[in-house]
Amino acid sequence: MFSKHAVQFDRLAHEGMPIRQVEILKSILTNPDSDLEHHGNIVVTKAIASPDLKSARWAIANTNWQYDDDPPSQGGSIAYVHADECEDPVGKRKTGHVKKIYLPVSPSQDPNVEEGDVIMFFASNDGSYTAVGYGDARIGSLLHSTQTERAIKGWALMDGTNNSKEKGGSGIDGKDRFLRQWNASSSSGTTGGATSSSLTIEGTVSATDIGNHSHTLSQSTIGTGSESTVDVVTGTPTGDSGIDLSNVSVTFTGAGGSGSPSAPSIPPYVYVAVYERLNNSNNRLQ
């Protein structure tokens, strides 16, 4: 019995039962502070209202999530999903009663519930249904992961194919590219740079044999008997100009100092997978 039923006992007084007896029955059967114990089944035909009692229920989503009005992440109202109520968290025994279940998330998130997901929800006092805790990163967010080639629900490799616009992504191909912040939003998605490039090095050239000079001519002697020896010049005197390459040295004045120039075209790196958060709702970003 419940305390609100106490007024029903006043009918006994109207039928002639002594007031004292009526009060005793009230105190026994409708005392709100008494513990209730029942060993049989209790069938409740209407909802039980209590500030401390919220019954968790389960449902299988039969659509992907979506916003009521605007596209995802653009100020749309609260998101929701249509789902069939079921018996447990593995989706056994669907009741066939389709419910619109709201998916509230923070402004920095978008929901991530897809068709076939089993979600837990609660009934609100106004008769609506709510499932919390199903938020994910905002659409367009990037995730670095060592779990390469592994499927993540609501995410796709940023390779221009798995994250294509048709699949709810940006279509940006990030293979073999570093990320760089743009200085104007109109540059978003554009690419640049190269994996190799030519190298210009400033330096000075010095030589120990540079400018005009003459070759040394060969000499020989002739003479017979007691006659004096006569020097004879053979060959033709010549002269040349330029640099004797065997005596040229180069000094590099850049940051690398002297020696042979060496510079990698790409800094040291490690490969990881880059995933993009897709728009996996029933809506599609244009």
Protein backbone atom coordinates (compact mmCIF):
# COMPACT_ATOMS: atom_id res chain seq x y z
CA MET A 1 0.00 0.00 0.00
CA PHE A 2 1.10 3.59 -0.53
CA SER A 3 0.54 6.72 1.48
CA LYS A 4 -1.80 8.23 -1.13
CA HIS A 5 -4.18 5.36 -0.48
CA ALA A 6 -4.73 6.53 3.11
CA VAL A 7 -7.65 8.70 2.06
CA GLN A 8 -9.48 5.57 0.95
CA PHE A 9 -9.69 4.39 4.55
CA ASP A 10 -11.89 7.37 5.38
CA ARG A 11 -14.65 5.51 3.62
CA LEU A 12 -14.59 2.99 6.48
CA ALA A 13 -15.38 5.74 8.94
CA HIS A 14 -18.32 6.79 6.77
CA GLU A 15 -19.59 3.21 6.93
CA GLY A 16 -19.58 3.27 10.74
CA MET A 17 -16.17 1.88 11.70
CA PRO A 18 -14.81 3.60 14.80
CA ILE A 19 -12.34 6.33 13.98
CA ARG A 20 -9.70 4.76 16.20
CA GLN A 21 -9.83 1.51 14.27
CA VAL A 22 -9.55 3.38 10.97
CA GLU A 23 -6.44 5.23 12.17
CA ILE A 24 -4.83 1.96 13.27
CA LEU A 25 -5.42 0.42 9.86
CA LYS A 26 -3.98 3.50 8.19
CA SER A 27 -0.82 3.35 10.29
CA ILE A 28 -0.32 -0.33 9.49
CA LEU A 29 -1.10 -0.43 5.80
CA THR A 30 -0.15 3.01 4.50
CA ASN A 31 2.88 3.99 6.54
CA PRO A 32 5.32 5.57 4.02
CA ASP A 33 8.27 4.82 6.29
CA SER A 34 7.62 1.09 6.54
CA ASP A 35 9.59 -1.40 4.47
CA LEU A 36 7.64 -3.27 1.81
CA GLU A 37 8.26 -6.95 1.22
CA HIS A 38 6.54 -9.08 -1.39
CA HIS A 39 7.30 -12.63 -2.50
CA GLY A 40 5.14 -12.77 -5.62
CA ASN A 41 5.33 -11.02 -8.99
CA ILE A 42 4.61 -7.30 -9.20
CA VAL A 43 3.08 -6.06 -12.44
CA VAL A 44 3.35 -2.33 -13.09
CA THR A 45 1.04 -1.07 -15.84
CA LYS A 46 2.31 2.51 -15.75
CA ALA A 47 5.66 4.21 -15.25
CA ILE A 48 7.24 4.42 -11.82
CA ALA A 49 8.20 8.02 -11.00
CA SER A 50 11.10 8.59 -8.61
CA PRO A 51 13.88 11.18 -8.46
CA ASP A 52 16.39 8.40 -7.73
CA LEU A 53 15.10 5.72 -10.08
CA LYS A 54 15.93 5.67 -13.80
CA SER A 55 15.60 2.33 -15.56
CA ALA A 56 18.25 1.67 -18.24
CA ARG A 57 17.01 0.04 -21.44
CA TRP A 58 18.58 -1.24 -24.64
CA ALA A 59 17.90 -0.62 -28.31
CA ILE A 60 19.37 -1.52 -31.73
CA ALA A 61 19.89 1.44 -34.06
CA ASN A 62 18.12 0.91 -37.39
CA THR A 63 19.54 4.10 -38.92
CA ASN A 64 22.74 6.09 -38.61
CA TRP A 65 22.61 9.10 -36.31
CA GLN A 66 21.61 12.51 -37.62
CA TYR A 67 20.82 16.07 -36.56
CA ASP A 68 17.31 17.45 -36.60
CA ASP A 69 18.16 20.52 -38.66
CA ASP A 70 21.58 21.70 -39.83
CA PRO A 71 24.47 19.53 -41.06
CA PRO A 72 26.88 18.10 -38.48
CA SER A 73 29.17 20.45 -36.54
CA GLN A 74 27.42 23.52 -37.97
CA GLY A 75 25.19 24.48 -35.05
CA GLY A 76 22.57 21.83 -35.66
CA SER A 77 20.12 20.99 -32.90
CA ILE A 78 20.36 17.85 -30.79
CA ALA A 79 21.18 14.64 -32.66
CA TYR A 80 19.08 11.49 -32.59
CA VAL A 81 18.82 7.95 -33.93
CA HIS A 82 15.87 5.66 -34.65
CA ALA A 83 16.17 2.33 -32.85
CA ASP A 84 14.24 -0.84 -31.96
CA GLU A 85 14.10 -1.65 -28.28
CA CYS A 86 15.68 -4.98 -27.35
CA GLU A 87 16.25 -7.06 -24.25
CA ASP A 88 19.99 -6.85 -23.54
CA PRO A 89 23.28 -5.25 -24.65
CA VAL A 90 23.88 -7.89 -27.33
CA GLY A 91 20.58 -7.10 -29.07
CA LYS A 92 18.48 -10.16 -28.29
CA ARG A 93 14.73 -10.19 -28.87
CA LYS A 94 13.84 -6.93 -30.53
CA THR A 95 10.40 -5.71 -29.54
CA GLY A 96 9.75 -3.99 -32.85
CA HIS A 97 8.85 -0.78 -31.04
CA VAL A 98 10.82 1.92 -32.87
CA LYS A 99 11.86 4.86 -30.71
CA LYS A 100 13.47 8.19 -31.49
CA ILE A 101 16.41 8.34 -29.08
CA TYR A 102 18.26 11.63 -28.60
CA LEU A 103 22.08 11.70 -28.53
CA PRO A 104 23.27 14.81 -26.65
CA VAL A 105 26.99 15.64 -27.02
CA SER A 106 29.26 18.56 -26.17
CA PRO A 107 29.96 21.33 -28.74
CA SER A 108 33.38 19.80 -29.45
CA GLN A 109 31.88 16.47 -30.50
CA ASP A 110 29.61 14.76 -33.00
CA PRO A 111 27.73 11.51 -32.27
CA ASN A 112 29.03 8.23 -33.61
CA VAL A 113 26.16 5.71 -33.70
CA GLU A 114 25.63 3.59 -36.81
CA GLU A 115 22.96 1.18 -37.94
CA GLY A 116 23.20 -2.07 -35.99
CA ASP A 117 24.81 -0.54 -32.88
CA VAL A 118 23.25 -1.52 -29.55
CA ILE A 119 22.91 1.51 -27.27
CA MET A 120 21.68 2.05 -23.73
CA PHE A 121 19.00 4.70 -23.22
CA PHE A 122 16.77 6.16 -20.52
CA ALA A 123 13.20 7.38 -20.49
CA SER A 124 12.80 11.02 -19.44
CA ASN A 125 9.92 12.41 -17.41
CA ASP A 126 8.51 14.14 -20.48
CA GLY A 127 8.24 10.82 -22.33
CA SER A 128 11.29 11.31 -24.57
CA TYR A 129 14.28 8.95 -24.70
CA THR A 130 17.96 9.86 -24.30
CA ALA A 131 21.25 7.98 -24.75
CA VAL A 132 24.40 9.67 -23.43
CA GLY A 133 28.07 8.83 -23.88
CA TYR A 134 28.05 8.26 -27.64
CA GLY A 135 29.95 11.40 -28.64
CA ASP A 136 33.16 11.33 -30.68
CA ALA A 137 35.59 13.89 -32.11
CA ARG A 138 34.11 16.53 -34.42
CA ILE A 139 33.79 15.65 -38.08
CA GLY A 140 37.03 16.57 -39.90
CA SER A 141 39.27 15.90 -36.89
CA LEU A 142 42.49 13.94 -37.48
CA LEU A 143 43.88 11.06 -35.47
CA HIS A 144 47.45 9.73 -35.57
CA SER A 145 47.66 6.03 -34.80
CA THR A 146 50.18 3.18 -34.94
CA GLN A 147 47.26 0.82 -35.65
CA THR A 148 47.75 0.96 -39.40
CA GLU A 149 45.09 -0.36 -41.75
CA ARG A 150 42.72 -1.09 -38.89
CA ALA A 151 39.10 -0.03 -39.33
CA ILE A 152 37.77 2.47 -36.78
CA LYS A 153 34.03 3.10 -36.83
CA GLY A 154 33.37 6.63 -38.03
CA TRP A 155 37.01 7.15 -39.10
CA ALA A 156 38.96 6.42 -42.30
CA LEU A 157 42.55 6.54 -43.52
CA MET A 158 43.37 9.97 -44.94
CA ASP A 159 44.42 8.64 -48.33
CA GLY A 160 41.97 10.46 -50.58
CA THR A 161 39.96 7.28 -51.20
CA ASN A 162 38.76 5.95 -47.86
CA ASN A 163 38.05 9.54 -46.77
CA SER A 164 36.46 10.62 -50.05
CA LYS A 165 33.65 13.15 -50.05
CA GLU A 166 31.24 10.41 -51.09
CA LYS A 167 32.10 8.60 -47.85
CA GLY A 168 31.66 11.70 -45.70
CA GLY A 169 35.29 12.87 -45.63
CA SER A 170 37.28 15.77 -47.07
CA GLY A 171 38.82 13.83 -49.93
CA ILE A 172 42.29 15.15 -49.02
CA ASP A 173 45.12 12.74 -49.88
CA GLY A 174 47.68 12.85 -47.09
CA LYS A 175 49.92 9.99 -48.23
CA ASP A 176 53.64 10.81 -47.86
CA ARG A 177 52.86 14.38 -46.73
CA PHE A 178 53.45 16.43 -43.61
CA LEU A 179 50.67 18.58 -42.15
CA ARG A 180 51.05 22.35 -42.33
CA GLN A 181 48.73 25.06 -40.95
CA TRP A 182 47.37 27.31 -43.68
CA ASN A 183 47.56 31.12 -43.44
CA ALA A 184 44.20 31.55 -45.24
CA SER A 185 41.25 29.20 -45.08
CA SER A 186 41.04 29.23 -48.89
CA SER A 187 44.33 27.28 -48.90
CA SER A 188 42.86 24.39 -46.91
CA GLY A 189 43.50 21.10 -48.68
CA THR A 190 46.11 22.43 -51.11
CA THR A 191 49.51 20.77 -51.30
CA GLY A 192 53.11 21.79 -51.94
CA GLY A 193 56.72 20.88 -51.39
CA ALA A 194 58.76 18.05 -52.89
CA THR A 195 60.60 14.98 -51.67
CA SER A 196 63.89 16.19 -53.25
CA SER A 197 65.39 19.50 -54.35
CA SER A 198 68.60 21.08 -55.69
CA LEU A 199 71.04 22.60 -53.20
CA THR A 200 72.68 26.03 -53.62
CA ILE A 201 75.85 26.57 -51.57
CA GLU A 202 77.76 29.83 -51.27
CA GLY A 203 81.57 29.62 -51.20
CA THR A 204 84.90 31.06 -52.37
CA VAL A 205 87.28 29.64 -55.00
CA SER A 206 91.04 29.98 -54.57
CA ALA A 207 93.97 28.63 -56.61
CA THR A 208 97.76 28.48 -56.34
CA ASP A 209 98.22 28.58 -60.13
CA ILE A 210 95.93 31.12 -61.74
CA GLY A 211 96.50 33.69 -64.55
CA ASN A 212 98.96 33.90 -67.48
CA HIS A 213 102.22 31.91 -67.41
CA SER A 214 104.73 30.41 -69.87
CA HIS A 215 105.92 26.89 -70.32
CA THR A 216 109.63 26.22 -69.68
CA LEU A 217 111.48 25.45 -72.97
CA SER A 218 113.82 22.53 -73.27
CA GLN A 219 117.53 22.98 -74.11
CA SER A 220 120.25 20.80 -75.61
CA THR A 221 124.01 21.27 -76.48
CA ILE A 222 126.08 20.60 -79.58
CA GLY A 223 129.88 20.65 -80.16
CA THR A 224 132.82 18.50 -81.39
CA GLY A 225 136.46 18.06 -80.45
CA SER A 226 137.95 21.07 -78.76
CA GLU A 227 135.25 23.42 -79.92
CA SER A 228 133.10 25.22 -77.40
CA THR A 229 129.68 23.83 -76.45
CA VAL A 230 126.73 25.71 -77.98
CA ASP A 231 123.29 25.77 -76.32
CA VAL A 232 120.39 25.12 -78.67
CA VAL A 233 116.78 25.98 -77.78
CA THR A 234 114.27 23.47 -79.08
CA GLY A 235 110.51 23.79 -79.28
CA THR A 236 108.35 26.88 -79.68
CA PRO A 237 107.81 29.28 -76.75
CA THR A 238 104.13 29.36 -75.81
CA GLY A 239 102.02 30.93 -73.13
CA ASP A 240 98.49 30.21 -71.75
CA SER A 241 95.96 31.67 -69.31
CA GLY A 242 93.34 30.26 -66.94
CA ILE A 243 93.32 28.03 -63.90
CA ASP A 244 95.38 24.99 -63.28
CA LEU A 245 92.58 22.75 -61.98
CA SER A 246 94.98 20.52 -60.12
CA ASN A 247 95.69 23.36 -57.73
CA VAL A 248 92.11 24.68 -57.12
CA SER A 249 90.50 24.43 -53.68
CA VAL A 250 86.93 25.38 -52.60
CA THR A 251 85.98 26.56 -49.12
CA PHE A 252 82.28 26.37 -48.14
CA THR A 253 81.07 29.27 -46.02
CA GLY A 254 77.61 27.93 -45.17
CA ALA A 255 76.43 26.35 -41.92
CA GLY A 256 78.04 23.05 -42.83
CA GLY A 257 81.58 24.53 -42.85
CA SER A 258 84.25 23.10 -45.10
CA GLY A 259 83.98 19.77 -46.84
CA SER A 260 81.59 18.18 -49.29
CA PRO A 261 78.01 19.55 -49.21
CA SER A 262 75.40 17.18 -47.77
CA ALA A 263 71.77 17.85 -46.83
CA PRO A 264 68.77 15.43 -46.60
CA SER A 265 65.65 16.53 -48.50
CA ILE A 266 63.32 15.23 -45.69
CA PRO A 267 64.05 15.46 -41.94
CA PRO A 268 64.09 12.22 -39.92
CA TYR A 269 60.58 10.74 -39.74
CA VAL A 270 58.52 7.70 -38.71
CA TYR A 271 55.45 6.45 -40.56
CA VAL A 272 52.09 6.31 -38.73
CA ALA A 273 48.49 6.10 -39.90
CA VAL A 274 46.48 9.32 -40.14
CA TYR A 275 42.70 8.89 -39.79
CA GLU A 276 40.00 11.46 -40.54
CA ARG A 277 36.68 11.62 -38.66
CA LEU A 278 33.97 11.06 -41.24
CA ASN A 279 30.43 12.33 -41.41
CA ASN A 280 28.81 8.93 -40.92
CA SER A 281 25.34 10.33 -40.22
CA ASN A 282 22.33 10.12 -42.51
CA ASN A 283 23.20 13.69 -43.54
CA ARG A 284 26.12 14.37 -45.85
CA LEU A 285 28.25 17.48 -45.86
CA GLN A 286 28.19 19.28 -49.20
